[in-house]
Amino acid sequence: MKKFVAVAGNIGVGKSTLVAMLCERLESRPFYEPVSENPYLADFYSDMTAWSFHSQVFFLTRRLRAHRLVDRLDRVRGQPSEGRLARKDRIDRLENDRQ
């Protein structure tokens, strides 16, 4: 069975560095979110309060597309897929709202 490792965290905490280290150690390939494709990213960095929603929606829709693609490929191969990561943003938001 295929296994996945998901790394989540705030901007600038070292997620990409950790993923690179894990991939080297586990001899696997990384899958990064399409940061450079986000048309709201520059605006987000200049005014996070105003642009965080737009940026997050962009990432969420891209993540859902990726999950649908993986799900289709897994069904063709007869392997189960996991959709938890696509819902992780909502879980994080609920946890942050409680604090």
N, C-alpha and C. Protein backbone atom coordinates (compact mmCIF):
# COMPACT_ATOMS: atom_id res chain seq x y z
N MET A 1 0.83 -1.17 0.00
CA MET A 1 0.00 0.00 0.00
C MET A 1 0.88 1.24 0.00
N LYS A 2 0.46 2.24 -0.77
CA LYS A 2 1.17 3.50 -0.83
C LYS A 2 1.04 4.25 0.48
N LYS A 3 2.09 4.94 0.86
CA LYS A 3 2.05 5.75 2.08
C LYS A 3 2.41 7.18 1.73
N PHE A 4 1.79 8.11 2.45
CA PHE A 4 2.03 9.53 2.24
C PHE A 4 2.44 10.17 3.56
N VAL A 5 3.26 11.18 3.45
CA VAL A 5 3.62 12.00 4.61
C VAL A 5 3.19 13.42 4.26
N ALA A 6 2.38 14.02 5.12
CA ALA A 6 1.94 15.40 4.90
C ALA A 6 2.63 16.28 5.93
N VAL A 7 3.13 17.41 5.45
CA VAL A 7 3.78 18.37 6.33
C VAL A 7 2.98 19.66 6.27
N ALA A 8 2.54 20.13 7.42
CA ALA A 8 1.76 21.36 7.49
C ALA A 8 2.39 22.30 8.50
N GLY A 9 2.22 23.58 8.28
CA GLY A 9 2.76 24.56 9.22
C GLY A 9 2.65 25.96 8.66
N ASN A 10 2.99 26.91 9.47
CA ASN A 10 2.93 28.31 9.07
C ASN A 10 4.00 28.64 8.04
N ILE A 11 3.82 29.77 7.39
CA ILE A 11 4.77 30.25 6.39
C ILE A 11 6.13 30.47 7.04
N GLY A 12 7.17 29.95 6.39
CA GLY A 12 8.53 30.22 6.82
C GLY A 12 9.06 29.38 7.96
N VAL A 13 8.37 28.29 8.32
CA VAL A 13 8.84 27.48 9.44
C VAL A 13 9.75 26.35 9.02
N GLY A 14 9.93 26.15 7.70
CA GLY A 14 10.84 25.12 7.23
C GLY A 14 10.18 23.88 6.67
N LYS A 15 8.93 23.99 6.23
CA LYS A 15 8.23 22.82 5.67
C LYS A 15 8.97 22.26 4.45
N SER A 16 9.36 23.13 3.54
CA SER A 16 10.04 22.67 2.32
C SER A 16 11.38 22.01 2.64
N THR A 17 12.09 22.57 3.59
CA THR A 17 13.36 21.97 4.01
C THR A 17 13.13 20.59 4.62
N LEU A 18 12.13 20.46 5.47
CA LEU A 18 11.81 19.18 6.07
C LEU A 18 11.40 18.16 5.01
N VAL A 19 10.58 18.58 4.06
CA VAL A 19 10.14 17.68 2.99
C VAL A 19 11.34 17.20 2.18
N ALA A 20 12.26 18.10 1.86
CA ALA A 20 13.46 17.71 1.11
C ALA A 20 14.27 16.68 1.88
N MET A 21 14.40 16.89 3.19
CA MET A 21 15.16 15.94 4.02
C MET A 21 14.45 14.59 4.09
N LEU A 22 13.14 14.61 4.26
CA LEU A 22 12.37 13.36 4.32
C LEU A 22 12.45 12.60 3.00
N CYS A 23 12.32 13.33 1.90
CA CYS A 23 12.37 12.67 0.60
C CYS A 23 13.73 12.02 0.34
N GLU A 24 14.78 12.70 0.75
CA GLU A 24 16.11 12.13 0.59
C GLU A 24 16.24 10.86 1.43
N ARG A 25 15.80 10.95 2.66
CA ARG A 25 15.91 9.81 3.58
C ARG A 25 15.02 8.63 3.16
N LEU A 26 13.80 8.93 2.70
CA LEU A 26 12.84 7.88 2.35
C LEU A 26 12.90 7.50 0.87
N GLU A 27 13.81 8.15 0.14
CA GLU A 27 13.97 7.90 -1.30
C GLU A 27 12.63 8.01 -2.01
N SER A 28 11.99 9.16 -1.84
CA SER A 28 10.69 9.40 -2.45
C SER A 28 10.69 10.75 -3.15
N ARG A 29 9.59 11.04 -3.82
CA ARG A 29 9.46 12.30 -4.54
C ARG A 29 8.53 13.24 -3.78
N PRO A 30 8.85 14.52 -3.75
CA PRO A 30 7.97 15.48 -3.07
C PRO A 30 6.83 15.93 -3.97
N PHE A 31 5.77 16.38 -3.37
CA PHE A 31 4.70 17.07 -4.08
C PHE A 31 4.46 18.38 -3.34
N TYR A 32 4.80 19.47 -4.01
CA TYR A 32 4.65 20.79 -3.39
C TYR A 32 3.41 21.49 -3.94
N GLU A 33 2.84 22.33 -3.12
CA GLU A 33 1.73 23.14 -3.61
C GLU A 33 2.26 24.13 -4.64
N PRO A 34 1.43 24.51 -5.61
CA PRO A 34 1.88 25.40 -6.69
C PRO A 34 1.97 26.85 -6.24
N VAL A 35 2.92 27.15 -5.40
CA VAL A 35 3.05 28.49 -4.83
C VAL A 35 3.26 29.54 -5.91
N SER A 36 4.10 29.25 -6.88
CA SER A 36 4.41 30.25 -7.91
C SER A 36 3.22 30.55 -8.80
N GLU A 37 2.22 29.66 -8.83
CA GLU A 37 1.04 29.88 -9.65
C GLU A 37 -0.01 30.74 -8.95
N ASN A 38 0.17 31.02 -7.68
CA ASN A 38 -0.83 31.75 -6.91
C ASN A 38 -0.80 33.25 -7.28
N PRO A 39 -1.85 33.74 -7.96
CA PRO A 39 -1.84 35.14 -8.39
C PRO A 39 -2.03 36.12 -7.23
N TYR A 40 -2.37 35.62 -6.04
CA TYR A 40 -2.61 36.48 -4.88
C TYR A 40 -1.42 36.55 -3.93
N LEU A 41 -0.38 35.80 -4.20
CA LEU A 41 0.70 35.67 -3.23
C LEU A 41 1.43 36.99 -2.95
N ALA A 42 1.74 37.74 -3.99
CA ALA A 42 2.43 39.03 -3.77
C ALA A 42 1.55 39.97 -2.95
N ASP A 43 0.26 40.00 -3.27
CA ASP A 43 -0.67 40.83 -2.49
C ASP A 43 -0.76 40.33 -1.06
N PHE A 44 -0.77 39.01 -0.89
CA PHE A 44 -0.84 38.41 0.45
C PHE A 44 0.33 38.86 1.30
N TYR A 45 1.53 38.83 0.75
CA TYR A 45 2.71 39.22 1.52
C TYR A 45 2.72 40.73 1.84
N SER A 46 2.07 41.53 1.00
CA SER A 46 2.03 42.96 1.27
C SER A 46 0.92 43.33 2.26
N ASP A 47 -0.17 42.54 2.28
CA ASP A 47 -1.28 42.81 3.20
C ASP A 47 -1.98 41.49 3.52
N MET A 48 -1.46 40.77 4.49
CA MET A 48 -1.96 39.44 4.81
C MET A 48 -3.42 39.43 5.23
N THR A 49 -3.84 40.43 5.96
CA THR A 49 -5.23 40.48 6.42
C THR A 49 -6.20 40.59 5.24
N ALA A 50 -5.88 41.42 4.29
CA ALA A 50 -6.77 41.64 3.15
C ALA A 50 -6.76 40.50 2.15
N TRP A 51 -5.63 39.82 2.00
CA TRP A 51 -5.50 38.84 0.92
C TRP A 51 -5.38 37.39 1.36
N SER A 52 -5.43 37.12 2.64
CA SER A 52 -5.26 35.73 3.10
C SER A 52 -6.38 34.83 2.60
N PHE A 53 -7.61 35.31 2.60
CA PHE A 53 -8.73 34.48 2.13
C PHE A 53 -8.55 34.11 0.66
N HIS A 54 -8.24 35.09 -0.16
CA HIS A 54 -8.07 34.84 -1.60
C HIS A 54 -6.96 33.82 -1.85
N SER A 55 -5.85 34.01 -1.17
CA SER A 55 -4.71 33.11 -1.34
C SER A 55 -5.06 31.70 -0.88
N GLN A 56 -5.73 31.60 0.25
CA GLN A 56 -6.08 30.29 0.80
C GLN A 56 -7.07 29.55 -0.10
N VAL A 57 -8.03 30.28 -0.67
CA VAL A 57 -9.00 29.66 -1.58
C VAL A 57 -8.28 29.14 -2.82
N PHE A 58 -7.32 29.90 -3.31
CA PHE A 58 -6.54 29.43 -4.46
C PHE A 58 -5.86 28.11 -4.13
N PHE A 59 -5.16 28.06 -2.98
CA PHE A 59 -4.46 26.83 -2.60
C PHE A 59 -5.44 25.68 -2.40
N LEU A 60 -6.57 25.95 -1.79
CA LEU A 60 -7.56 24.91 -1.53
C LEU A 60 -8.09 24.32 -2.84
N THR A 61 -8.40 25.17 -3.81
CA THR A 61 -8.92 24.64 -5.07
C THR A 61 -7.85 23.83 -5.81
N ARG A 62 -6.61 24.29 -5.75
CA ARG A 62 -5.53 23.52 -6.39
C ARG A 62 -5.32 22.17 -5.68
N ARG A 63 -5.43 22.19 -4.36
CA ARG A 63 -5.26 20.96 -3.59
C ARG A 63 -6.38 19.98 -3.91
N LEU A 64 -7.59 20.47 -4.04
CA LEU A 64 -8.72 19.60 -4.39
C LEU A 64 -8.54 19.00 -5.78
N ARG A 65 -8.06 19.80 -6.72
CA ARG A 65 -7.78 19.26 -8.06
C ARG A 65 -6.74 18.15 -8.00
N ALA A 66 -5.70 18.37 -7.22
CA ALA A 66 -4.65 17.35 -7.10
C ALA A 66 -5.21 16.08 -6.47
N HIS A 67 -6.06 16.23 -5.45
CA HIS A 67 -6.65 15.05 -4.81
C HIS A 67 -7.56 14.29 -5.77
N ARG A 68 -8.32 15.03 -6.56
CA ARG A 68 -9.19 14.35 -7.53
C ARG A 68 -8.36 13.58 -8.55
N LEU A 69 -7.26 14.16 -8.99
CA LEU A 69 -6.38 13.47 -9.93
C LEU A 69 -5.80 12.21 -9.30
N VAL A 70 -5.29 12.32 -8.09
CA VAL A 70 -4.73 11.16 -7.39
C VAL A 70 -5.81 10.10 -7.20
N ASP A 71 -7.01 10.53 -6.83
CA ASP A 71 -8.12 9.60 -6.62
C ASP A 71 -8.44 8.85 -7.91
N ARG A 72 -8.50 9.57 -9.03
CA ARG A 72 -8.77 8.91 -10.32
C ARG A 72 -7.67 7.92 -10.66
N LEU A 73 -6.42 8.32 -10.48
CA LEU A 73 -5.31 7.42 -10.78
C LEU A 73 -5.34 6.18 -9.88
N ASP A 74 -5.65 6.39 -8.60
CA ASP A 74 -5.71 5.27 -7.67
C ASP A 74 -6.84 4.31 -8.02
N ARG A 75 -7.97 4.85 -8.46
CA ARG A 75 -9.09 3.96 -8.85
C ARG A 75 -8.72 3.13 -10.06
N VAL A 76 -8.00 3.73 -11.00
CA VAL A 76 -7.55 3.00 -12.18
C VAL A 76 -6.60 1.87 -11.76
N ARG A 77 -5.75 2.16 -10.78
CA ARG A 77 -4.77 1.17 -10.30
C ARG A 77 -5.37 0.23 -9.25
N GLY A 78 -6.59 0.52 -8.80
CA GLY A 78 -7.21 -0.32 -7.78
C GLY A 78 -6.68 -0.06 -6.38
N GLN A 79 -6.19 1.15 -6.13
CA GLN A 79 -5.65 1.49 -4.81
C GLN A 79 -6.54 2.54 -4.15
N PRO A 80 -6.71 2.45 -2.84
CA PRO A 80 -7.50 3.47 -2.15
C PRO A 80 -6.75 4.78 -2.06
N SER A 81 -7.47 5.87 -1.94
CA SER A 81 -6.82 7.17 -1.72
C SER A 81 -7.40 7.82 -0.49
N GLU A 82 -6.70 8.80 0.02
CA GLU A 82 -7.09 9.47 1.26
C GLU A 82 -7.35 10.93 0.97
N GLY A 83 -8.51 11.45 1.35
CA GLY A 83 -8.87 12.83 1.09
C GLY A 83 -8.70 13.75 2.28
N ARG A 84 -8.07 13.30 3.34
CA ARG A 84 -7.96 14.08 4.56
C ARG A 84 -7.27 15.42 4.37
N LEU A 85 -6.22 15.45 3.57
CA LEU A 85 -5.45 16.69 3.43
C LEU A 85 -6.27 17.82 2.83
N ALA A 86 -7.19 17.49 1.96
CA ALA A 86 -8.02 18.53 1.37
C ALA A 86 -8.90 19.19 2.41
N ARG A 87 -9.24 18.47 3.46
CA ARG A 87 -10.08 19.02 4.52
C ARG A 87 -9.27 19.61 5.66
N LYS A 88 -7.96 19.49 5.61
CA LYS A 88 -7.13 19.93 6.71
C LYS A 88 -7.25 21.43 6.98
N ASP A 89 -7.39 22.25 5.95
CA ASP A 89 -7.52 23.69 6.17
C ASP A 89 -8.72 24.00 7.04
N ARG A 90 -9.82 23.35 6.81
CA ARG A 90 -11.02 23.59 7.61
C ARG A 90 -10.79 23.17 9.06
N ILE A 91 -10.13 22.06 9.26
CA ILE A 91 -9.81 21.60 10.61
C ILE A 91 -8.90 22.60 11.31
N ASP A 92 -7.86 23.06 10.61
CA ASP A 92 -6.96 24.05 11.17
C ASP A 92 -7.70 25.33 11.54
N ARG A 93 -8.61 25.75 10.67
CA ARG A 93 -9.36 26.98 10.91
C ARG A 93 -10.23 26.82 12.16
N LEU A 94 -10.89 25.67 12.31
CA LEU A 94 -11.71 25.43 13.49
C LEU A 94 -10.87 25.45 14.75
N GLU A 95 -9.69 24.83 14.68
CA GLU A 95 -8.81 24.80 15.85
C GLU A 95 -8.34 26.22 16.20
N ASN A 96 -8.01 27.02 15.20
CA ASN A 96 -7.55 28.39 15.44
C ASN A 96 -8.68 29.25 16.00
N ASP A 97 -9.90 29.03 15.52
CA ASP A 97 -11.04 29.82 15.99
C ASP A 97 -11.33 29.54 17.47
N ARG A 98 -11.05 28.36 17.92
CA ARG A 98 -11.30 28.00 19.33
C ARG A 98 -10.32 28.67 20.28
N GLN A 99 -9.15 29.02 19.77
CA GLN A 99 -8.09 29.57 20.65
C GLN A 99 -8.30 31.05 20.91
